[in-house]
PDB file of all heavy atoms in Angstrom:
ATOM      1  N   THR A   1      -1.896   3.993   3.346  1.00  0.00           N
ATOM      2  CA  THR A   1      -1.520   3.599   4.708  1.00  0.00           C
ATOM      3  C   THR A   1      -0.980   4.760   5.532  1.00  0.00           C
ATOM      4  O   THR A   1      -0.745   5.874   4.956  1.00  0.00           O
ATOM      5  CB  THR A   1      -0.417   2.474   4.744  1.00  0.00           C
ATOM      6  OG1 THR A   1       0.835   3.109   4.379  1.00  0.00           O
ATOM      7  CG2 THR A   1      -0.807   1.379   3.705  1.00  0.00           C
ATOM      8  N   ALA A   2      -0.752   4.557   6.800  1.00  0.00           N
ATOM      9  CA  ALA A   2      -0.127   5.620   7.628  1.00  0.00           C
ATOM     10  C   ALA A   2       1.216   6.017   7.139  1.00  0.00           C
ATOM     11  O   ALA A   2       1.691   7.171   7.447  1.00  0.00           O
ATOM     12  CB  ALA A   2      -0.088   5.151   9.063  1.00  0.00           C
ATOM     13  N   ALA A   3       1.878   5.082   6.438  1.00  0.00           N
ATOM     14  CA  ALA A   3       3.294   5.377   5.888  1.00  0.00           C
ATOM     15  C   ALA A   3       3.197   5.980   4.497  1.00  0.00           C
ATOM     16  O   ALA A   3       4.183   6.203   3.879  1.00  0.00           O
ATOM     17  CB  ALA A   3       4.047   4.107   5.907  1.00  0.00           C
ATOM     18  N   GLY A   4       1.994   6.192   3.963  1.00  0.00           N
ATOM     19  CA  GLY A   4       1.785   6.687   2.625  1.00  0.00           C
ATOM     20  C   GLY A   4       1.317   5.599   1.650  1.00  0.00           C
ATOM     21  O   GLY A   4       1.038   4.494   2.166  1.00  0.00           O
ATOM     22  N   PRO A   5       1.093   5.886   0.387  1.00  0.00           N
ATOM     23  CA  PRO A   5       0.607   4.890  -0.526  1.00  0.00           C
ATOM     24  C   PRO A   5       1.590   3.720  -0.677  1.00  0.00           C
ATOM     25  O   PRO A   5       2.759   3.924  -0.879  1.00  0.00           O
ATOM     26  CB  PRO A   5       0.420   5.673  -1.825  1.00  0.00           C
ATOM     27  CG  PRO A   5       1.309   6.840  -1.700  1.00  0.00           C
ATOM     28  CD  PRO A   5       1.407   7.176  -0.256  1.00  0.00           C
ATOM     29  N   VAL A   6       1.124   2.518  -0.708  1.00  0.00           N
ATOM     30  CA  VAL A   6       1.900   1.280  -0.810  1.00  0.00           C
ATOM     31  C   VAL A   6       1.382   0.485  -1.982  1.00  0.00           C
ATOM     32  O   VAL A   6       0.153   0.129  -2.005  1.00  0.00           O
ATOM     33  CB  VAL A   6       1.902   0.463   0.453  1.00  0.00           C
ATOM     34  CG1 VAL A   6       2.604  -0.881   0.257  1.00  0.00           C
ATOM     35  CG2 VAL A   6       2.496   1.211   1.613  1.00  0.00           C
ATOM     36  N   SER A   7       2.203   0.135  -2.899  1.00  0.00           N
ATOM     37  CA  SER A   7       1.800  -0.741  -4.024  1.00  0.00           C
ATOM     38  C   SER A   7       1.842  -2.181  -3.602  1.00  0.00           C
ATOM     39  O   SER A   7       2.790  -2.664  -3.011  1.00  0.00           O
ATOM     40  CB  SER A   7       2.780  -0.536  -5.242  1.00  0.00           C
ATOM     41  OG  SER A   7       2.458  -1.418  -6.267  1.00  0.00           O
ATOM     42  N   VAL A   8       0.763  -2.842  -3.860  1.00  0.00           N
ATOM     43  CA  VAL A   8       0.629  -4.280  -3.485  1.00  0.00           C
ATOM     44  C   VAL A   8       0.499  -5.148  -4.723  1.00  0.00           C
ATOM     45  O   VAL A   8      -0.188  -4.808  -5.657  1.00  0.00           O
ATOM     46  CB  VAL A   8      -0.647  -4.516  -2.627  1.00  0.00           C
ATOM     47  CG1 VAL A   8      -0.719  -5.980  -2.150  1.00  0.00           C
ATOM     48  CG2 VAL A   8      -0.598  -3.590  -1.406  1.00  0.00           C
ATOM     49  N   ARG A   9       1.213  -6.301  -4.749  1.00  0.00           N
ATOM     50  CA  ARG A   9       1.213  -7.227  -5.849  1.00  0.00           C
ATOM     51  C   ARG A   9       0.676  -8.549  -5.350  1.00  0.00           C
ATOM     52  O   ARG A   9       0.979  -9.005  -4.263  1.00  0.00           O
ATOM     53  CB  ARG A   9       2.588  -7.415  -6.441  1.00  0.00           C
ATOM     54  CG  ARG A   9       3.358  -6.115  -6.674  1.00  0.00           C
ATOM     55  CD  ARG A   9       2.568  -5.161  -7.558  1.00  0.00           C
ATOM     56  NE  ARG A   9       2.348  -5.605  -8.889  1.00  0.00           N
ATOM     57  CZ  ARG A   9       1.605  -4.920  -9.783  1.00  0.00           C
ATOM     58  NH1 ARG A   9       1.009  -3.776  -9.414  1.00  0.00           N
ATOM     59  NH2 ARG A   9       1.421  -5.450 -10.991  1.00  0.00           N
ATOM     60  N   ILE A  10      -0.103  -9.152  -6.244  1.00  0.00           N
ATOM     61  CA  ILE A  10      -0.677 -10.510  -5.919  1.00  0.00           C
ATOM     62  C   ILE A  10      -0.346 -11.454  -7.080  1.00  0.00           C
ATOM     63  O   ILE A  10      -0.133 -11.075  -8.223  1.00  0.00           O
ATOM     64  CB  ILE A  10      -2.195 -10.443  -5.675  1.00  0.00           C
ATOM     65  CG1 ILE A  10      -2.972 -10.000  -6.896  1.00  0.00           C
ATOM     66  CG2 ILE A  10      -2.506  -9.580  -4.471  1.00  0.00           C
ATOM     67  CD1 ILE A  10      -4.455 -10.154  -6.807  1.00  0.00           C
ATOM     68  N   ALA A  11      -0.412 -12.745  -6.689  1.00  0.00           N
ATOM     69  CA  ALA A  11      -0.323 -13.817  -7.710  1.00  0.00           C
ATOM     70  C   ALA A  11      -1.478 -14.773  -7.413  1.00  0.00           C
ATOM     71  O   ALA A  11      -1.829 -14.973  -6.211  1.00  0.00           O
ATOM     72  CB  ALA A  11       1.004 -14.531  -7.644  1.00  0.00           C
ATOM     73  N   ILE A  12      -2.037 -15.309  -8.435  1.00  0.00           N
ATOM     74  CA  ILE A  12      -3.270 -16.169  -8.306  1.00  0.00           C
ATOM     75  C   ILE A  12      -3.026 -17.620  -8.887  1.00  0.00           C
ATOM     76  O   ILE A  12      -2.445 -17.727  -9.942  1.00  0.00           O
ATOM     77  CB  ILE A  12      -4.472 -15.589  -9.053  1.00  0.00           C
ATOM     78  CG1 ILE A  12      -4.919 -14.270  -8.401  1.00  0.00           C
ATOM     79  CG2 ILE A  12      -5.644 -16.561  -9.084  1.00  0.00           C
ATOM     80  CD1 ILE A  12      -5.993 -13.562  -9.097  1.00  0.00           C
ATOM     81  N   GLY A  13      -3.319 -18.571  -8.062  1.00  0.00           N
ATOM     82  CA  GLY A  13      -3.289 -19.969  -8.561  1.00  0.00           C
ATOM     83  C   GLY A  13      -4.684 -20.569  -8.303  1.00  0.00           C
ATOM     84  O   GLY A  13      -5.326 -20.343  -7.226  1.00  0.00           O
ATOM     85  N   ALA A  14      -5.205 -21.257  -9.300  1.00  0.00           N
ATOM     86  CA  ALA A  14      -6.580 -21.800  -9.236  1.00  0.00           C
ATOM     87  C   ALA A  14      -6.760 -23.099  -9.943  1.00  0.00           C
ATOM     88  O   ALA A  14      -5.947 -23.464 -10.777  1.00  0.00           O
ATOM     89  CB  ALA A  14      -7.555 -20.734  -9.814  1.00  0.00           C
ATOM     90  N   VAL A  15      -7.826 -23.768  -9.519  1.00  0.00           N
ATOM     91  CA  VAL A  15      -8.148 -25.090 -10.145  1.00  0.00           C
ATOM     92  C   VAL A  15      -9.632 -25.146 -10.346  1.00  0.00           C
ATOM     93  O   VAL A  15     -10.412 -24.622  -9.429  1.00  0.00           O
ATOM     94  CB  VAL A  15      -7.638 -26.225  -9.333  1.00  0.00           C
ATOM     95  CG1 VAL A  15      -8.208 -26.309  -7.952  1.00  0.00           C
ATOM     96  CG2 VAL A  15      -7.890 -27.591  -9.992  1.00  0.00           C
ATOM     97  N   VAL A  16     -10.120 -25.755 -11.393  1.00  0.00           N
ATOM     98  CA  VAL A  16     -11.542 -25.925 -11.677  1.00  0.00           C
ATOM     99  C   VAL A  16     -11.941 -27.353 -11.265  1.00  0.00           C
ATOM    100  O   VAL A  16     -11.268 -28.315 -11.571  1.00  0.00           O
ATOM    101  CB  VAL A  16     -11.899 -25.775 -13.168  1.00  0.00           C
ATOM    102  CG1 VAL A  16     -13.372 -26.029 -13.410  1.00  0.00           C
ATOM    103  CG2 VAL A  16     -11.506 -24.344 -13.605  1.00  0.00           C
ATOM    104  N   ALA A  17     -13.036 -27.460 -10.471  1.00  0.00           N
ATOM    105  CA  ALA A  17     -13.455 -28.770  -9.922  1.00  0.00           C
ATOM    106  C   ALA A  17     -14.898 -28.946 -10.312  1.00  0.00           C
ATOM    107  O   ALA A  17     -15.655 -28.046 -10.566  1.00  0.00           O
ATOM    108  CB  ALA A  17     -13.243 -28.809  -8.409  1.00  0.00           C
ATOM    109  N   PRO A  18     -15.309 -30.241 -10.388  1.00  0.00           N
ATOM    110  CA  PRO A  18     -14.569 -31.491 -10.076  1.00  0.00           C
ATOM    111  C   PRO A  18     -13.727 -31.991 -11.235  1.00  0.00           C
ATOM    112  O   PRO A  18     -13.094 -33.045 -11.142  1.00  0.00           O
ATOM    113  CB  PRO A  18     -15.678 -32.460  -9.753  1.00  0.00           C
ATOM    114  CG  PRO A  18     -16.846 -32.066 -10.561  1.00  0.00           C
ATOM    115  CD  PRO A  18     -16.772 -30.537 -10.630  1.00  0.00           C
ATOM    116  N   ARG A  19     -13.631 -31.222 -12.349  1.00  0.00           N
ATOM    117  CA  ARG A  19     -12.913 -31.691 -13.484  1.00  0.00           C
ATOM    118  C   ARG A  19     -11.456 -32.020 -13.139  1.00  0.00           C
ATOM    119  O   ARG A  19     -10.900 -33.031 -13.607  1.00  0.00           O
ATOM    120  CB  ARG A  19     -12.935 -30.648 -14.624  1.00  0.00           C
ATOM    121  CG  ARG A  19     -12.238 -31.157 -15.932  1.00  0.00           C
ATOM    122  CD  ARG A  19     -12.390 -30.212 -17.028  1.00  0.00           C
ATOM    123  NE  ARG A  19     -11.789 -30.683 -18.256  1.00  0.00           N
ATOM    124  CZ  ARG A  19     -11.763 -30.089 -19.390  1.00  0.00           C
ATOM    125  NH1 ARG A  19     -12.343 -28.841 -19.485  1.00  0.00           N
ATOM    126  NH2 ARG A  19     -11.221 -30.625 -20.466  1.00  0.00           N
ATOM    127  N   HIS A  20     -10.727 -31.177 -12.367  1.00  0.00           N
ATOM    128  CA  HIS A  20      -9.348 -31.393 -12.157  1.00  0.00           C
ATOM    129  C   HIS A  20      -9.038 -31.604 -10.634  1.00  0.00           C
ATOM    130  O   HIS A  20      -7.881 -31.526 -10.265  1.00  0.00           O
ATOM    131  CB  HIS A  20      -8.527 -30.213 -12.619  1.00  0.00           C
ATOM    132  CG  HIS A  20      -8.577 -30.037 -14.105  1.00  0.00           C
ATOM    133  ND1 HIS A  20      -8.359 -31.090 -14.995  1.00  0.00           N
ATOM    134  CD2 HIS A  20      -8.779 -28.954 -14.926  1.00  0.00           C
ATOM    135  CE1 HIS A  20      -8.451 -30.666 -16.256  1.00  0.00           C
ATOM    136  NE2 HIS A  20      -8.716 -29.379 -16.203  1.00  0.00           N
ATOM    137  N   ALA A  21     -10.042 -31.869  -9.858  1.00  0.00           N
ATOM    138  CA  ALA A  21      -9.871 -32.166  -8.408  1.00  0.00           C
ATOM    139  C   ALA A  21     -11.018 -33.007  -7.951  1.00  0.00           C
ATOM    140  O   ALA A  21     -12.134 -32.585  -8.021  1.00  0.00           O
ATOM    141  CB  ALA A  21      -9.725 -30.879  -7.591  1.00  0.00           C
ATOM    142  N   ARG A  22     -10.695 -34.173  -7.308  1.00  0.00           N
ATOM    143  CA  ARG A  22     -11.754 -35.077  -6.904  1.00  0.00           C
ATOM    144  C   ARG A  22     -12.067 -34.900  -5.408  1.00  0.00           C
ATOM    145  O   ARG A  22     -13.130 -35.370  -4.954  1.00  0.00           O
ATOM    146  CB  ARG A  22     -11.405 -36.462  -7.185  1.00  0.00           C
ATOM    147  CG  ARG A  22     -11.290 -36.793  -8.723  1.00  0.00           C
ATOM    148  CD  ARG A  22     -10.462 -38.049  -8.983  1.00  0.00           C
ATOM    149  NE  ARG A  22      -9.108 -37.839  -8.548  1.00  0.00           N
ATOM    150  CZ  ARG A  22      -8.158 -38.782  -8.717  1.00  0.00           C
ATOM    151  NH1 ARG A  22      -8.491 -39.965  -9.250  1.00  0.00           N
ATOM    152  NH2 ARG A  22      -6.877 -38.544  -8.322  1.00  0.00           N
ATOM    153  N   ASP A  23     -11.143 -34.352  -4.608  1.00  0.00           N
ATOM    154  CA  ASP A  23     -11.447 -34.147  -3.201  1.00  0.00           C
ATOM    155  C   ASP A  23     -10.691 -32.898  -2.758  1.00  0.00           C
ATOM    156  O   ASP A  23      -9.964 -32.182  -3.486  1.00  0.00           O
ATOM    157  CB  ASP A  23     -10.971 -35.379  -2.428  1.00  0.00           C
ATOM    158  CG  ASP A  23      -9.503 -35.749  -2.723  1.00  0.00           C
ATOM    159  OD1 ASP A  23      -8.665 -34.895  -2.842  1.00  0.00           O
ATOM    160  OD2 ASP A  23      -9.212 -36.997  -2.794  1.00  0.00           O
ATOM    161  N   THR A  24     -10.924 -32.512  -1.466  1.00  0.00           N
ATOM    162  CA  THR A  24     -10.393 -31.296  -0.978  1.00  0.00           C
ATOM    163  C   THR A  24      -8.871 -31.297  -0.984  1.00  0.00           C
ATOM    164  O   THR A  24      -8.240 -30.251  -1.258  1.00  0.00           O
ATOM    165  CB  THR A  24     -10.900 -31.001   0.421  1.00  0.00           C
ATOM    166  OG1 THR A  24     -12.337 -31.086   0.434  1.00  0.00           O
ATOM    167  CG2 THR A  24     -10.498 -29.614   0.924  1.00  0.00           C
ATOM    168  N   GLU A  25      -8.246 -32.397  -0.661  1.00  0.00           N
ATOM    169  CA  GLU A  25      -6.804 -32.459  -0.596  1.00  0.00           C
ATOM    170  C   GLU A  25      -6.254 -32.207  -2.030  1.00  0.00           C
ATOM    171  O   GLU A  25      -5.273 -31.420  -2.143  1.00  0.00           O
ATOM    172  CB  GLU A  25      -6.372 -33.894  -0.170  1.00  0.00           C
ATOM    173  CG  GLU A  25      -4.870 -34.041  -0.078  1.00  0.00           C
ATOM    174  CD  GLU A  25      -4.427 -35.381   0.359  1.00  0.00           C
ATOM    175  OE1 GLU A  25      -5.307 -36.215   0.813  1.00  0.00           O
ATOM    176  OE2 GLU A  25      -3.221 -35.718   0.356  1.00  0.00           O
ATOM    177  N   GLU A  26      -6.840 -32.819  -3.015  1.00  0.00           N
ATOM    178  CA  GLU A  26      -6.375 -32.609  -4.366  1.00  0.00           C
ATOM    179  C   GLU A  26      -6.662 -31.174  -4.859  1.00  0.00           C
ATOM    180  O   GLU A  26      -5.838 -30.496  -5.539  1.00  0.00           O
ATOM    181  CB  GLU A  26      -7.044 -33.588  -5.328  1.00  0.00           C
ATOM    182  CG  GLU A  26      -6.425 -33.680  -6.660  1.00  0.00           C
ATOM    183  CD  GLU A  26      -6.872 -34.933  -7.460  1.00  0.00           C
ATOM    184  OE1 GLU A  26      -8.107 -34.949  -7.731  1.00  0.00           O
ATOM    185  OE2 GLU A  26      -6.066 -35.823  -7.740  1.00  0.00           O
ATOM    186  N   LEU A  27      -7.759 -30.635  -4.423  1.00  0.00           N
ATOM    187  CA  LEU A  27      -8.146 -29.214  -4.694  1.00  0.00           C
ATOM    188  C   LEU A  27      -7.068 -28.286  -4.187  1.00  0.00           C
ATOM    189  O   LEU A  27      -6.575 -27.445  -4.930  1.00  0.00           O
ATOM    190  CB  LEU A  27      -9.496 -28.895  -4.065  1.00  0.00           C
ATOM    191  CG  LEU A  27     -10.260 -27.712  -4.485  1.00  0.00           C
ATOM    192  CD1 LEU A  27     -10.845 -27.912  -5.890  1.00  0.00           C
ATOM    193  CD2 LEU A  27     -11.355 -27.338  -3.523  1.00  0.00           C
ATOM    194  N   VAL A  28      -6.681 -28.451  -2.978  1.00  0.00           N
ATOM    195  CA  VAL A  28      -5.721 -27.541  -2.324  1.00  0.00           C
ATOM    196  C   VAL A  28      -4.316 -27.749  -2.986  1.00  0.00           C
ATOM    197  O   VAL A  28      -3.620 -26.783  -3.297  1.00  0.00           O
ATOM    198  CB  VAL A  28      -5.669 -27.756  -0.822  1.00  0.00           C
ATOM    199  CG1 VAL A  28      -4.466 -26.942  -0.244  1.00  0.00           C
ATOM    200  CG2 VAL A  28      -6.904 -27.267  -0.171  1.00  0.00           C
ATOM    201  N   GLN A  29      -3.966 -28.983  -3.208  1.00  0.00           N
ATOM    202  CA  GLN A  29      -2.678 -29.309  -3.716  1.00  0.00           C
ATOM    203  C   GLN A  29      -2.492 -28.737  -5.122  1.00  0.00           C
ATOM    204  O   GLN A  29      -1.422 -28.105  -5.478  1.00  0.00           O
ATOM    205  CB  GLN A  29      -2.443 -30.869  -3.768  1.00  0.00           C
ATOM    206  CG  GLN A  29      -1.036 -31.289  -4.155  1.00  0.00           C
ATOM    207  CD  GLN A  29      -0.886 -31.392  -5.659  1.00  0.00           C
ATOM    208  OE1 GLN A  29      -1.794 -31.833  -6.348  1.00  0.00           O
ATOM    209  NE2 GLN A  29       0.319 -31.153  -6.181  1.00  0.00           N
TER     210      GLN A  29
END
């Protein structure tokens, strides 16, 4: 970046469908 190198950290949350989510609301939740 313009301010120099910046370390970025991420976290991931995921769900497999349709096994564990039947609709979009459940998917997001």
